[in-house]
Amino acid sequence: MNTLFRYALIAGMICSGLFATYADDLKVGAAAVKITPPLGIPLAGYYHERGSSGVHDDLFARAVVMEMDKIRAAIVSLDLISTRRPFVLKARELIESLIGIPLQIS
């Protein structure tokens, strides 16, 4: 069981216990999708061009979605060094259009 899934499970159990008196139903879901790039992709952090020659650990995009009293929130984690703002904004727009969680700019 991967670490994020464990945290999501623990958070869900804690939240369901904390909010049991305030809500009829707390729903928590978690998912992970492998995003490991193909071999040969350029690697960051080197002073010369270097492509990947193997996979030590797969990379994942992970998400936890919680819903209570018709309010949804999502936490998304990427196994990446960084992401650019346009990528994040586009992802937020897709999340809003696909599952209805409003876009929050921060």
N, C-alpha and C. Protein backbone atom coordinates (compact mmCIF):
# COMPACT_ATOMS: atom_id res chain seq x y z
N MET A 1 0.86 -1.17 0.00
CA MET A 1 0.00 0.00 0.00
C MET A 1 0.91 1.23 0.00
N ASN A 2 0.72 2.14 -0.96
CA ASN A 2 1.60 3.29 -1.03
C ASN A 2 1.28 4.31 0.06
N THR A 3 2.23 5.20 0.30
CA THR A 3 2.15 6.14 1.41
C THR A 3 0.95 7.08 1.30
N LEU A 4 0.72 7.67 0.12
CA LEU A 4 -0.39 8.62 -0.01
C LEU A 4 -1.72 7.93 0.24
N PHE A 5 -1.87 6.72 -0.25
CA PHE A 5 -3.12 6.00 -0.02
C PHE A 5 -3.32 5.76 1.47
N ARG A 6 -2.24 5.41 2.18
CA ARG A 6 -2.34 5.22 3.64
C ARG A 6 -2.79 6.51 4.32
N TYR A 7 -2.17 7.64 3.93
CA TYR A 7 -2.56 8.93 4.51
C TYR A 7 -4.02 9.25 4.21
N ALA A 8 -4.45 8.97 2.98
CA ALA A 8 -5.84 9.23 2.61
C ALA A 8 -6.78 8.37 3.44
N LEU A 9 -6.41 7.13 3.63
CA LEU A 9 -7.24 6.23 4.42
C LEU A 9 -7.32 6.70 5.86
N ILE A 10 -6.18 7.08 6.43
CA ILE A 10 -6.14 7.58 7.81
C ILE A 10 -6.94 8.87 7.92
N ALA A 11 -6.73 9.81 6.96
CA ALA A 11 -7.47 11.07 6.98
C ALA A 11 -8.97 10.81 6.89
N GLY A 12 -9.35 9.90 6.03
CA GLY A 12 -10.77 9.57 5.89
C GLY A 12 -11.35 9.00 7.17
N MET A 13 -10.59 8.13 7.83
CA MET A 13 -11.07 7.55 9.08
C MET A 13 -11.18 8.61 10.16
N ILE A 14 -10.18 9.50 10.24
CA ILE A 14 -10.21 10.57 11.24
C ILE A 14 -11.37 11.51 10.96
N CYS A 15 -11.48 11.93 9.69
CA CYS A 15 -12.55 12.87 9.34
C CYS A 15 -13.92 12.27 9.58
N SER A 16 -14.09 11.00 9.24
CA SER A 16 -15.40 10.39 9.44
C SER A 16 -15.74 10.33 10.92
N GLY A 17 -14.74 10.13 11.76
CA GLY A 17 -14.98 10.12 13.20
C GLY A 17 -15.25 11.51 13.73
N LEU A 18 -14.50 12.51 13.25
CA LEU A 18 -14.68 13.88 13.73
C LEU A 18 -15.99 14.48 13.29
N PHE A 19 -16.41 14.19 12.05
CA PHE A 19 -17.59 14.84 11.50
C PHE A 19 -18.85 13.99 11.60
N ALA A 20 -18.76 12.84 12.25
CA ALA A 20 -19.91 11.95 12.31
C ALA A 20 -21.11 12.62 12.96
N THR A 21 -20.87 13.50 13.90
CA THR A 21 -21.99 14.17 14.56
C THR A 21 -22.53 15.33 13.75
N TYR A 22 -21.78 15.79 12.73
CA TYR A 22 -22.19 16.95 11.95
C TYR A 22 -22.74 16.61 10.58
N ALA A 23 -22.53 15.44 10.12
CA ALA A 23 -22.95 15.10 8.75
C ALA A 23 -23.51 13.69 8.70
N ASP A 24 -24.42 13.51 7.79
CA ASP A 24 -24.95 12.17 7.59
C ASP A 24 -23.93 11.25 6.94
N ASP A 25 -23.11 11.86 6.05
CA ASP A 25 -22.26 11.02 5.22
C ASP A 25 -20.99 11.75 4.82
N LEU A 26 -19.86 11.15 5.07
CA LEU A 26 -18.58 11.65 4.55
C LEU A 26 -18.08 10.60 3.57
N LYS A 27 -17.80 11.02 2.37
CA LYS A 27 -17.28 10.11 1.35
C LYS A 27 -15.84 10.49 1.05
N VAL A 28 -14.97 9.50 1.00
CA VAL A 28 -13.56 9.71 0.68
C VAL A 28 -13.16 8.68 -0.37
N GLY A 29 -12.49 9.16 -1.41
CA GLY A 29 -11.99 8.26 -2.44
C GLY A 29 -10.56 8.62 -2.78
N ALA A 30 -9.79 7.64 -3.16
CA ALA A 30 -8.39 7.86 -3.51
C ALA A 30 -8.07 7.06 -4.77
N ALA A 31 -7.16 7.63 -5.58
CA ALA A 31 -6.74 6.94 -6.80
C ALA A 31 -5.30 7.31 -7.10
N ALA A 32 -4.65 6.45 -7.85
CA ALA A 32 -3.28 6.71 -8.31
C ALA A 32 -3.16 6.24 -9.75
N VAL A 33 -2.47 7.03 -10.56
CA VAL A 33 -2.23 6.70 -11.96
C VAL A 33 -0.74 6.79 -12.23
N LYS A 34 -0.19 5.76 -12.83
CA LYS A 34 1.24 5.75 -13.15
C LYS A 34 1.53 6.76 -14.26
N ILE A 35 2.50 7.66 -14.03
CA ILE A 35 2.88 8.67 -15.02
C ILE A 35 4.36 8.56 -15.38
N THR A 36 4.96 7.40 -15.17
CA THR A 36 6.37 7.19 -15.50
C THR A 36 6.59 7.44 -16.99
N PRO A 37 7.51 8.36 -17.33
CA PRO A 37 7.75 8.64 -18.75
C PRO A 37 8.53 7.51 -19.41
N PRO A 38 8.57 7.50 -20.74
CA PRO A 38 9.29 6.44 -21.44
C PRO A 38 10.81 6.57 -21.24
N LEU A 39 11.50 5.46 -21.42
CA LEU A 39 12.97 5.48 -21.32
C LEU A 39 13.53 6.46 -22.36
N GLY A 40 14.62 7.12 -21.98
CA GLY A 40 15.26 8.07 -22.87
C GLY A 40 14.84 9.50 -22.64
N ILE A 41 13.81 9.72 -21.82
CA ILE A 41 13.35 11.09 -21.55
C ILE A 41 14.49 11.85 -20.87
N PRO A 42 14.73 13.12 -21.24
CA PRO A 42 15.82 13.88 -20.61
C PRO A 42 15.61 14.02 -19.10
N LEU A 43 16.69 13.86 -18.36
CA LEU A 43 16.64 13.96 -16.90
C LEU A 43 17.08 15.35 -16.45
N ALA A 44 16.42 15.84 -15.40
CA ALA A 44 16.78 17.14 -14.83
C ALA A 44 17.93 16.97 -13.84
N GLY A 45 18.67 18.04 -13.62
CA GLY A 45 19.69 18.04 -12.58
C GLY A 45 21.08 17.66 -13.03
N TYR A 46 21.33 17.57 -14.30
CA TYR A 46 22.65 17.22 -14.81
C TYR A 46 23.19 18.39 -15.61
N TYR A 47 24.52 18.50 -15.68
CA TYR A 47 25.16 19.58 -16.42
C TYR A 47 25.33 19.26 -17.90
N HIS A 48 24.91 18.09 -18.27
CA HIS A 48 24.97 17.69 -19.68
C HIS A 48 23.69 16.93 -20.02
N GLU A 49 23.42 16.81 -21.29
CA GLU A 49 22.22 16.08 -21.73
C GLU A 49 22.33 14.61 -21.31
N ARG A 50 21.32 14.13 -20.62
CA ARG A 50 21.32 12.74 -20.19
C ARG A 50 19.88 12.24 -20.19
N GLY A 51 19.66 11.13 -20.87
CA GLY A 51 18.34 10.52 -20.90
C GLY A 51 18.25 9.38 -19.91
N SER A 52 17.04 9.07 -19.50
CA SER A 52 16.86 7.97 -18.55
C SER A 52 17.20 6.64 -19.22
N SER A 53 17.80 5.75 -18.44
CA SER A 53 18.18 4.45 -18.98
C SER A 53 17.41 3.31 -18.30
N GLY A 54 16.62 3.65 -17.29
CA GLY A 54 15.85 2.63 -16.57
C GLY A 54 14.91 3.29 -15.59
N VAL A 55 14.15 2.48 -14.90
CA VAL A 55 13.19 2.98 -13.92
C VAL A 55 13.53 2.39 -12.56
N HIS A 56 13.87 3.24 -11.60
CA HIS A 56 14.12 2.79 -10.24
C HIS A 56 12.79 2.62 -9.51
N ASP A 57 11.97 3.65 -9.57
CA ASP A 57 10.63 3.63 -8.99
C ASP A 57 9.69 4.31 -9.97
N ASP A 58 8.51 3.77 -10.16
CA ASP A 58 7.53 4.42 -11.01
C ASP A 58 7.08 5.73 -10.39
N LEU A 59 6.66 6.67 -11.25
CA LEU A 59 6.12 7.95 -10.82
C LEU A 59 4.60 7.88 -10.90
N PHE A 60 3.94 8.57 -9.97
CA PHE A 60 2.49 8.52 -9.92
C PHE A 60 1.87 9.90 -9.76
N ALA A 61 0.67 10.04 -10.26
CA ALA A 61 -0.23 11.15 -9.92
C ALA A 61 -1.25 10.53 -8.98
N ARG A 62 -1.45 11.16 -7.83
CA ARG A 62 -2.37 10.61 -6.84
C ARG A 62 -3.40 11.68 -6.46
N ALA A 63 -4.58 11.24 -6.14
CA ALA A 63 -5.63 12.18 -5.74
C ALA A 63 -6.47 11.58 -4.63
N VAL A 64 -6.91 12.46 -3.74
CA VAL A 64 -7.86 12.12 -2.70
C VAL A 64 -9.01 13.11 -2.86
N VAL A 65 -10.22 12.61 -2.95
CA VAL A 65 -11.40 13.47 -3.06
C VAL A 65 -12.30 13.16 -1.87
N MET A 66 -12.72 14.23 -1.21
CA MET A 66 -13.61 14.10 -0.06
C MET A 66 -14.89 14.87 -0.35
N GLU A 67 -16.02 14.32 0.09
CA GLU A 67 -17.30 15.01 -0.07
C GLU A 67 -18.10 14.87 1.21
N MET A 68 -18.63 16.01 1.65
CA MET A 68 -19.48 16.02 2.83
C MET A 68 -20.51 17.13 2.64
N ASP A 69 -21.76 16.84 2.87
CA ASP A 69 -22.84 17.82 2.72
C ASP A 69 -22.79 18.52 1.36
N LYS A 70 -22.56 17.75 0.32
CA LYS A 70 -22.52 18.23 -1.07
C LYS A 70 -21.37 19.21 -1.35
N ILE A 71 -20.37 19.23 -0.49
CA ILE A 71 -19.16 20.03 -0.71
C ILE A 71 -18.03 19.07 -0.99
N ARG A 72 -17.32 19.29 -2.10
CA ARG A 72 -16.21 18.41 -2.49
C ARG A 72 -14.89 19.17 -2.40
N ALA A 73 -13.85 18.44 -2.04
CA ALA A 73 -12.48 18.97 -2.04
C ALA A 73 -11.56 17.87 -2.55
N ALA A 74 -10.51 18.28 -3.24
CA ALA A 74 -9.56 17.31 -3.77
C ALA A 74 -8.14 17.73 -3.40
N ILE A 75 -7.31 16.75 -3.13
CA ILE A 75 -5.87 16.95 -2.94
C ILE A 75 -5.19 16.11 -4.00
N VAL A 76 -4.32 16.76 -4.78
CA VAL A 76 -3.63 16.08 -5.87
C VAL A 76 -2.13 16.15 -5.62
N SER A 77 -1.45 15.05 -5.82
CA SER A 77 -0.01 14.95 -5.62
C SER A 77 0.63 14.38 -6.88
N LEU A 78 1.74 14.97 -7.30
CA LEU A 78 2.47 14.49 -8.47
C LEU A 78 3.90 14.15 -8.07
N ASP A 79 4.41 13.01 -8.51
CA ASP A 79 5.80 12.64 -8.27
C ASP A 79 6.68 13.34 -9.31
N LEU A 80 6.76 14.66 -9.20
CA LEU A 80 7.54 15.46 -10.14
C LEU A 80 8.38 16.46 -9.37
N ILE A 81 9.46 16.91 -10.00
CA ILE A 81 10.31 17.93 -9.38
C ILE A 81 9.55 19.25 -9.30
N SER A 82 8.86 19.59 -10.37
CA SER A 82 8.08 20.83 -10.39
C SER A 82 7.03 20.75 -11.48
N THR A 83 6.10 21.68 -11.42
CA THR A 83 5.12 21.86 -12.49
C THR A 83 5.03 23.35 -12.77
N ARG A 84 4.65 23.70 -13.97
CA ARG A 84 4.50 25.11 -14.32
C ARG A 84 3.06 25.53 -14.09
N ARG A 85 2.89 26.81 -13.78
CA ARG A 85 1.56 27.34 -13.45
C ARG A 85 0.52 27.06 -14.53
N PRO A 86 0.82 27.23 -15.83
CA PRO A 86 -0.21 26.94 -16.84
C PRO A 86 -0.70 25.49 -16.78
N PHE A 87 0.19 24.55 -16.47
CA PHE A 87 -0.18 23.15 -16.33
C PHE A 87 -1.16 22.98 -15.16
N VAL A 88 -0.84 23.60 -14.03
CA VAL A 88 -1.68 23.49 -12.84
C VAL A 88 -3.05 24.12 -13.10
N LEU A 89 -3.07 25.29 -13.73
CA LEU A 89 -4.35 25.94 -14.02
C LEU A 89 -5.21 25.10 -14.96
N LYS A 90 -4.60 24.50 -15.97
CA LYS A 90 -5.34 23.64 -16.90
C LYS A 90 -5.89 22.41 -16.16
N ALA A 91 -5.09 21.83 -15.28
CA ALA A 91 -5.54 20.67 -14.50
C ALA A 91 -6.73 21.06 -13.62
N ARG A 92 -6.66 22.23 -13.00
CA ARG A 92 -7.77 22.69 -12.16
C ARG A 92 -9.03 22.90 -12.99
N GLU A 93 -8.88 23.46 -14.19
CA GLU A 93 -10.04 23.65 -15.07
C GLU A 93 -10.67 22.30 -15.44
N LEU A 94 -9.83 21.32 -15.74
CA LEU A 94 -10.35 19.98 -16.08
C LEU A 94 -11.06 19.34 -14.89
N ILE A 95 -10.49 19.49 -13.72
CA ILE A 95 -11.10 18.93 -12.51
C ILE A 95 -12.47 19.57 -12.29
N GLU A 96 -12.52 20.89 -12.47
CA GLU A 96 -13.80 21.58 -12.29
C GLU A 96 -14.84 21.11 -13.31
N SER A 97 -14.43 20.98 -14.57
CA SER A 97 -15.38 20.60 -15.59
C SER A 97 -15.81 19.13 -15.50
N LEU A 98 -14.90 18.27 -15.06
CA LEU A 98 -15.21 16.83 -15.02
C LEU A 98 -15.94 16.40 -13.75
N ILE A 99 -15.56 16.94 -12.60
CA ILE A 99 -16.18 16.46 -11.37
C ILE A 99 -16.82 17.57 -10.53
N GLY A 100 -16.76 18.81 -11.03
CA GLY A 100 -17.52 19.88 -10.37
C GLY A 100 -16.89 20.52 -9.16
N ILE A 101 -15.62 20.28 -8.92
CA ILE A 101 -14.96 20.97 -7.80
C ILE A 101 -14.52 22.34 -8.31
N PRO A 102 -15.00 23.43 -7.71
CA PRO A 102 -14.70 24.76 -8.23
C PRO A 102 -13.21 25.08 -8.23
N LEU A 103 -12.81 25.82 -9.23
CA LEU A 103 -11.42 26.26 -9.38
C LEU A 103 -11.09 27.25 -8.28
N GLN A 104 -10.02 27.01 -7.55
CA GLN A 104 -9.54 27.92 -6.52
C GLN A 104 -8.16 28.42 -6.93
N ILE A 105 -8.02 29.69 -7.17
CA ILE A 105 -6.73 30.28 -7.56
C ILE A 105 -5.95 30.61 -6.31
N SER A 106 -4.70 30.13 -6.25
CA SER A 106 -3.84 30.49 -5.13
C SER A 106 -2.42 30.65 -5.62
